[in-house]
Amino acid sequence: MSRRDIEFDAEGVTLRGWFYRAEGSSGRAPTVVMAHGFSAVKEMYLDSFAEVFAQAGLNALVYDNRNTGASDGEPRQELDPWEQVRDYRHAITYAGTLDEVDSTRIGVWGSSYSGGHVLVVAAIDRRVKAVVAQVPLVSGSANIGELVRADFRAGFRAMFDADRVARYAGDPPATVPVVAEDPLAPSALPTPDSWTWFTETGKLRAPSWRNQVTLRTVEMLGEYEPGSYIGRISPTPLLMVVAREDHLTPAHLAIGAYDDAREPKRLVILPGGHFDAYVAGFDGASAPARDWFVEHLGAGTDHRPPS
């Protein structure tokens, strides 16, 4: 498996990651552009997906979102969904400059938060020729409504307002944990399986992951509605992979959004919860994605000499 470190400019911010060369290719091959979800870094199993794609004759370009992991950007641990959408587009542009990449055959893959991002990118950027959205967030407001108790919301709103005033005065951004062992404690992702997966995966695979995001990150999450773009993706082929017992990005919200998508599209429903897509259900998640990209991007090279 051939992998090299990469970095590229995203409007003045350097993003860093990996490029996996399509196995068996000698010229320009189709390419999948990939980034992780909410606060996660590339070491949290994106290498596993990229390897599956590369073995099938697809290049894979993987990078850390700005302000996280190996990528630059300030404030650290601030996750602006619209900046991340724009960074997918920067990554597509960068991919097209590589000698190994056929710029006419580029797909995008995202999971959880970035699963929502790729819905937007595929709808607005026609360079994308196929898209896979795994356990995607489709509505920030609906998601917050499912995860945060109604009697807690006013407290969060007061915190958001106070943070705006403090930041205006020059204070550093307020922060909140991504996950907490107590699901009733303040955190961005208040589910027990989020605590388990992030803390265990961070220790096992991803020492650069930080259990912290800015408070404004949570505010922006609640304002983000990527599912509103889903009807505009067609005629780009869409695969959505949903986990039946997903309580973090609830399955019924994703399936409802899928109904609004137009053909060509396919829905795969996995057993288990949100994080099973990365580990216990990895084969069930990665194989349909691989096959979707191979079907719609092709595999192997077009044998044109590098420019």
Protein backbone atom coordinates (compact mmCIF):
# COMPACT_ATOMS: atom_id res chain seq x y z
CA MET A 1 0.00 0.00 0.00
CA SER A 2 1.54 3.29 -1.16
CA ARG A 3 0.82 6.28 1.09
CA ARG A 4 2.54 9.63 1.34
CA ASP A 5 2.06 12.73 3.44
CA ILE A 6 0.52 15.72 1.70
CA GLU A 7 -0.25 19.35 2.46
CA PHE A 8 -2.14 21.99 0.51
CA ASP A 9 -3.28 25.57 0.81
CA ALA A 10 -6.88 26.38 1.71
CA GLU A 11 -7.14 30.17 1.40
CA GLY A 12 -4.09 30.76 3.55
CA VAL A 13 -4.48 27.79 5.91
CA THR A 14 -2.34 24.69 5.36
CA LEU A 15 -4.27 21.43 5.54
CA ARG A 16 -2.34 18.18 5.95
CA GLY A 17 -3.12 14.56 5.37
CA TRP A 18 -2.32 11.48 3.30
CA PHE A 19 -2.52 10.45 -0.34
CA TYR A 20 -3.12 6.76 -1.06
CA ARG A 21 -2.12 5.65 -4.55
CA ALA A 22 -4.60 3.41 -6.35
CA GLU A 23 -3.17 -0.10 -6.44
CA GLY A 24 -2.28 -1.41 -9.88
CA SER A 25 -2.47 1.99 -11.57
CA SER A 26 0.23 3.49 -13.74
CA GLY A 27 -1.43 6.70 -14.91
CA ARG A 28 -4.25 8.92 -13.75
CA ALA A 29 -6.86 7.17 -11.61
CA PRO A 30 -10.20 8.18 -10.05
CA THR A 31 -9.89 9.72 -6.61
CA VAL A 32 -11.98 9.87 -3.42
CA VAL A 33 -11.59 13.00 -1.26
CA MET A 34 -12.18 12.30 2.44
CA ALA A 35 -12.32 14.14 5.76
CA HIS A 36 -13.63 13.14 9.17
CA GLY A 37 -16.60 14.18 11.25
CA PHE A 38 -17.13 16.35 14.32
CA SER A 39 -13.73 16.96 15.99
CA ALA A 40 -12.35 13.61 14.76
CA VAL A 41 -8.92 13.31 13.14
CA LYS A 42 -7.83 11.17 10.22
CA GLU A 43 -6.21 8.48 12.40
CA MET A 44 -9.67 7.59 13.70
CA TYR A 45 -10.13 4.86 11.05
CA LEU A 46 -10.06 6.97 7.90
CA ASP A 47 -6.91 5.07 6.97
CA SER A 48 -8.95 1.86 6.98
CA PHE A 49 -11.49 3.24 4.51
CA ALA A 50 -8.78 4.74 2.31
CA GLU A 51 -6.99 1.39 2.12
CA VAL A 52 -10.19 -0.32 0.94
CA PHE A 53 -10.62 2.29 -1.78
CA ALA A 54 -6.97 2.07 -2.87
CA GLN A 55 -7.13 -1.71 -3.10
CA ALA A 56 -10.07 -1.30 -5.50
CA GLY A 57 -8.09 0.93 -7.87
CA LEU A 58 -9.13 4.31 -6.43
CA ASN A 59 -6.81 7.00 -5.16
CA ALA A 60 -7.79 8.37 -1.75
CA LEU A 61 -6.94 11.87 -0.51
CA VAL A 62 -7.44 12.14 3.25
CA TYR A 63 -6.92 15.28 5.32
CA ASP A 64 -7.55 16.72 8.78
CA ASN A 65 -10.10 19.50 9.01
CA ARG A 66 -8.70 22.98 9.63
CA ASN A 67 -8.08 23.83 13.31
CA THR A 68 -7.70 20.14 14.20
CA GLY A 69 -5.10 17.38 14.09
CA ALA A 70 -2.15 17.93 11.78
CA SER A 71 -3.78 20.83 9.92
CA ASP A 72 -3.21 24.50 10.71
CA GLY A 73 -5.86 27.05 11.54
CA GLU A 74 -7.11 29.15 14.41
CA PRO A 75 -8.92 29.13 16.75
CA ARG A 76 -7.88 25.58 17.50
CA GLN A 77 -10.78 23.18 17.87
CA GLU A 78 -13.29 25.51 16.24
CA LEU A 79 -15.38 23.63 13.69
CA ASP A 80 -17.13 25.91 11.21
CA PRO A 81 -19.21 23.69 8.89
CA TRP A 82 -19.11 26.16 6.02
CA GLU A 83 -15.34 26.51 6.22
CA GLN A 84 -15.16 22.72 6.16
CA VAL A 85 -17.40 22.60 3.08
CA ARG A 86 -15.10 25.10 1.34
CA ASP A 87 -12.09 23.01 2.37
CA TYR A 88 -13.52 19.94 0.63
CA ARG A 89 -13.60 22.08 -2.52
CA HIS A 90 -10.00 23.20 -1.94
CA ALA A 91 -9.03 19.54 -1.55
CA ILE A 92 -10.74 18.69 -4.85
CA THR A 93 -8.78 21.47 -6.55
CA TYR A 94 -5.53 20.25 -5.02
CA ALA A 95 -6.26 16.66 -6.04
CA GLY A 96 -6.64 17.79 -9.63
CA THR A 97 -3.06 19.09 -9.63
CA LEU A 98 -1.59 15.66 -8.83
CA ASP A 99 -0.11 13.58 -11.62
CA GLU A 100 -1.85 10.45 -10.34
CA VAL A 101 -5.35 11.96 -10.39
CA ASP A 102 -7.91 11.98 -13.18
CA SER A 103 -9.65 15.27 -12.37
CA THR A 104 -12.74 14.21 -14.32
CA ARG A 105 -13.36 11.29 -11.93
CA ILE A 106 -13.47 12.64 -8.38
CA GLY A 107 -15.80 11.49 -5.62
CA VAL A 108 -16.33 12.69 -2.06
CA TRP A 109 -16.83 10.60 1.07
CA GLY A 110 -17.85 11.93 4.47
CA SER A 111 -19.05 10.54 7.77
CA SER A 112 -21.22 12.04 10.51
CA TYR A 113 -20.61 15.82 10.39
CA SER A 114 -18.65 15.52 7.15
CA GLY A 115 -21.37 13.18 5.90
CA GLY A 116 -23.50 16.31 5.88
CA HIS A 117 -20.73 18.34 4.27
CA VAL A 118 -20.49 16.04 1.27
CA LEU A 119 -24.21 16.43 0.62
CA VAL A 120 -23.62 20.16 0.25
CA VAL A 121 -20.43 19.78 -1.77
CA ALA A 122 -22.02 17.34 -4.20
CA ALA A 123 -24.98 19.69 -4.67
CA ILE A 124 -22.93 22.78 -5.46
CA ASP A 125 -19.72 21.48 -7.05
CA ARG A 126 -20.20 19.60 -10.31
CA ARG A 127 -16.61 18.41 -10.30
CA VAL A 128 -17.93 15.75 -7.92
CA LYS A 129 -19.00 12.68 -9.89
CA ALA A 130 -20.13 10.45 -6.97
CA VAL A 131 -20.83 10.95 -3.27
CA VAL A 132 -21.06 8.69 -0.21
CA ALA A 133 -22.58 10.08 3.00
CA GLN A 134 -22.04 7.72 5.94
CA VAL A 135 -24.19 8.12 9.10
CA PRO A 136 -24.67 11.77 8.07
CA LEU A 137 -25.87 14.75 10.02
CA VAL A 138 -28.69 16.19 7.90
CA SER A 139 -30.17 18.83 10.23
CA GLY A 140 -28.31 20.58 13.02
CA SER A 141 -31.47 21.98 14.58
CA ALA A 142 -33.28 18.64 14.54
CA ASN A 143 -30.19 16.89 15.87
CA ILE A 144 -29.84 19.34 18.77
CA GLY A 145 -33.54 18.88 19.42
CA GLU A 146 -33.04 15.13 19.80
CA LEU A 147 -29.84 15.28 21.87
CA VAL A 148 -30.34 18.23 24.22
CA ARG A 149 -33.11 18.29 26.80
CA ALA A 150 -35.52 21.18 26.35
CA ASP A 151 -34.83 22.52 29.84
CA PHE A 152 -31.09 22.71 29.05
CA ARG A 153 -31.42 24.78 25.87
CA ALA A 154 -31.95 28.16 27.50
CA GLY A 155 -28.73 27.65 29.45
CA PHE A 156 -26.82 26.94 26.26
CA ARG A 157 -28.29 30.03 24.61
CA ALA A 158 -27.13 32.19 27.52
CA MET A 159 -23.64 30.66 27.21
CA PHE A 160 -23.56 31.39 23.46
CA ASP A 161 -24.54 35.02 24.05
CA ALA A 162 -21.99 35.50 26.82
CA ASP A 163 -19.27 33.98 24.61
CA ARG A 164 -20.06 36.45 21.82
CA VAL A 165 -19.66 39.35 24.21
CA ALA A 166 -16.41 37.97 25.61
CA ARG A 167 -14.93 37.30 22.17
CA TYR A 168 -15.86 40.82 21.06
CA ALA A 169 -13.95 42.13 24.06
CA GLY A 170 -10.86 40.16 22.97
CA ASP A 171 -11.14 37.19 25.31
CA PRO A 172 -10.25 33.71 24.04
CA PRO A 173 -13.13 31.51 22.88
CA ALA A 174 -15.01 29.59 25.52
CA THR A 175 -14.76 25.82 25.12
CA VAL A 176 -16.80 22.74 25.96
CA PRO A 177 -15.84 19.04 25.95
CA VAL A 178 -16.68 17.05 22.85
CA VAL A 179 -17.82 14.17 25.07
CA ALA A 180 -18.35 13.61 28.78
CA GLU A 181 -18.70 10.40 30.76
CA ASP A 182 -21.86 11.81 32.37
CA PRO A 183 -24.38 12.31 29.54
CA LEU A 184 -26.07 15.09 31.56
CA ALA A 185 -22.83 17.07 31.85
CA PRO A 186 -22.23 19.84 29.29
CA SER A 187 -20.71 18.41 26.10
CA ALA A 188 -21.13 18.73 22.37
CA LEU A 189 -22.03 15.06 21.78
CA PRO A 190 -23.94 13.90 24.87
CA THR A 191 -24.38 10.18 24.21
CA PRO A 192 -22.71 7.30 26.06
CA ASP A 193 -21.43 5.69 22.85
CA SER A 194 -19.80 9.00 21.86
CA TRP A 195 -17.85 9.04 25.13
CA THR A 196 -16.74 5.44 24.68
CA TRP A 197 -15.70 5.69 21.03
CA PHE A 198 -13.89 9.00 21.17
CA THR A 199 -11.97 8.32 24.37
CA GLU A 200 -11.03 4.74 23.48
CA THR A 201 -10.14 5.54 19.86
CA GLY A 202 -8.19 8.59 20.92
CA LYS A 203 -6.05 6.51 23.26
CA LEU A 204 -5.66 3.63 20.81
CA ARG A 205 -5.09 5.40 17.50
CA ALA A 206 -5.22 9.18 17.65
CA PRO A 207 -3.12 11.01 20.24
CA SER A 208 -3.69 14.29 18.36
CA TRP A 209 -7.45 14.20 19.05
CA ARG A 210 -8.57 16.76 21.64
CA ASN A 211 -11.69 16.43 23.78
CA GLN A 212 -12.57 20.07 23.28
CA VAL A 213 -14.35 22.36 20.86
CA THR A 214 -15.15 26.03 21.05
CA LEU A 215 -18.58 26.92 22.33
CA ARG A 216 -19.32 28.68 19.04
CA THR A 217 -18.77 25.33 17.32
CA VAL A 218 -21.86 23.99 19.08
CA GLU A 219 -23.84 27.09 18.14
CA MET A 220 -22.85 26.67 14.47
CA LEU A 221 -23.80 22.98 14.61
CA GLY A 222 -27.35 23.92 15.58
CA GLU A 223 -27.59 26.35 12.67
CA TYR A 224 -26.36 23.95 9.97
CA GLU A 225 -28.88 22.32 7.62
CA PRO A 226 -27.04 20.26 5.00
CA GLY A 227 -30.09 18.15 4.25
CA SER A 228 -31.70 21.16 2.60
CA TYR A 229 -29.27 20.64 -0.31
CA ILE A 230 -30.03 16.98 -0.90
CA GLY A 231 -32.58 17.52 -3.66
CA ARG A 232 -29.94 19.37 -5.69
CA ILE A 233 -27.37 16.55 -5.77
CA SER A 234 -28.90 14.74 -8.76
CA PRO A 235 -27.73 13.76 -11.32
CA THR A 236 -24.61 13.08 -9.25
CA PRO A 237 -25.01 9.54 -7.83
CA LEU A 238 -25.65 9.49 -4.05
CA LEU A 239 -25.10 6.59 -1.66
CA MET A 240 -26.27 7.08 1.91
CA VAL A 241 -25.16 4.63 4.61
CA VAL A 242 -27.31 4.77 7.76
CA ALA A 243 -26.98 2.83 11.03
CA ARG A 244 -30.30 1.46 12.24
CA GLU A 245 -29.65 2.19 15.94
CA ASP A 246 -27.92 5.53 15.40
CA HIS A 247 -28.88 7.93 18.19
CA LEU A 248 -26.17 10.53 17.57
CA THR A 249 -27.23 11.41 14.00
CA PRO A 250 -30.61 9.69 14.26
CA ALA A 251 -31.41 7.20 11.54
CA HIS A 252 -34.94 8.47 11.00
CA LEU A 253 -33.66 11.96 10.19
CA ALA A 254 -31.19 10.63 7.62
CA ILE A 255 -33.76 8.34 6.01
CA GLY A 256 -36.24 11.21 5.84
CA ALA A 257 -33.66 13.33 4.03
CA TYR A 258 -32.85 10.45 1.69
CA ASP A 259 -36.49 10.41 0.59
CA ASP A 260 -36.00 13.97 -0.68
CA ALA A 261 -33.00 13.01 -2.84
CA ARG A 262 -33.49 12.31 -6.52
CA GLU A 263 -32.10 9.49 -8.60
CA PRO A 264 -29.56 8.01 -8.96
CA LYS A 265 -29.40 7.12 -5.32
CA ARG A 266 -29.06 4.13 -3.01
CA LEU A 267 -29.71 3.63 0.70
CA VAL A 268 -27.81 1.07 2.81
CA ILE A 269 -29.01 0.44 6.37
CA LEU A 270 -26.48 -1.14 8.71
CA PRO A 271 -27.21 -2.91 11.97
CA GLY A 272 -25.89 -1.28 15.11
CA GLY A 273 -25.20 2.28 16.12
CA HIS A 274 -23.38 5.34 14.83
CA PHE A 275 -19.83 4.24 15.65
CA ASP A 276 -20.28 0.64 14.49
CA ALA A 277 -19.73 1.96 10.95
CA TYR A 278 -16.03 2.43 11.84
CA VAL A 279 -15.31 -0.80 13.70
CA ALA A 280 -17.79 -3.66 14.20
CA GLY A 281 -19.70 -2.80 11.03
CA PHE A 282 -16.72 -1.60 9.02
CA ASP A 283 -17.08 -4.17 6.23
CA GLY A 284 -20.77 -3.38 5.87
CA ALA A 285 -20.00 0.34 5.56
CA SER A 286 -16.83 0.29 3.48
CA ALA A 287 -17.79 -2.31 0.86
CA PRO A 288 -20.91 -0.50 -0.46
CA ALA A 289 -18.94 2.77 -0.55
CA ARG A 290 -16.11 1.10 -2.48
CA ASP A 291 -18.54 -0.47 -4.93
CA TRP A 292 -20.43 2.80 -5.42
CA PHE A 293 -17.27 4.68 -6.31
CA VAL A 294 -16.04 1.93 -8.61
CA GLU A 295 -19.41 1.84 -10.37
CA HIS A 296 -19.66 5.57 -10.88
CA LEU A 297 -16.02 6.66 -11.14
CA GLY A 298 -14.59 3.55 -12.71
CA ALA A 299 -11.38 1.97 -11.47
CA GLY A 300 -7.87 1.86 -12.82
CA THR A 301 -6.19 4.46 -14.98
CA ASP A 302 -6.98 6.16 -18.23
CA HIS A 303 -3.32 5.65 -19.21
CA ARG A 304 -2.80 9.28 -20.16
CA PRO A 305 0.77 10.34 -19.42
CA PRO A 306 1.15 12.75 -16.49
CA SER A 307 1.25 16.37 -17.59
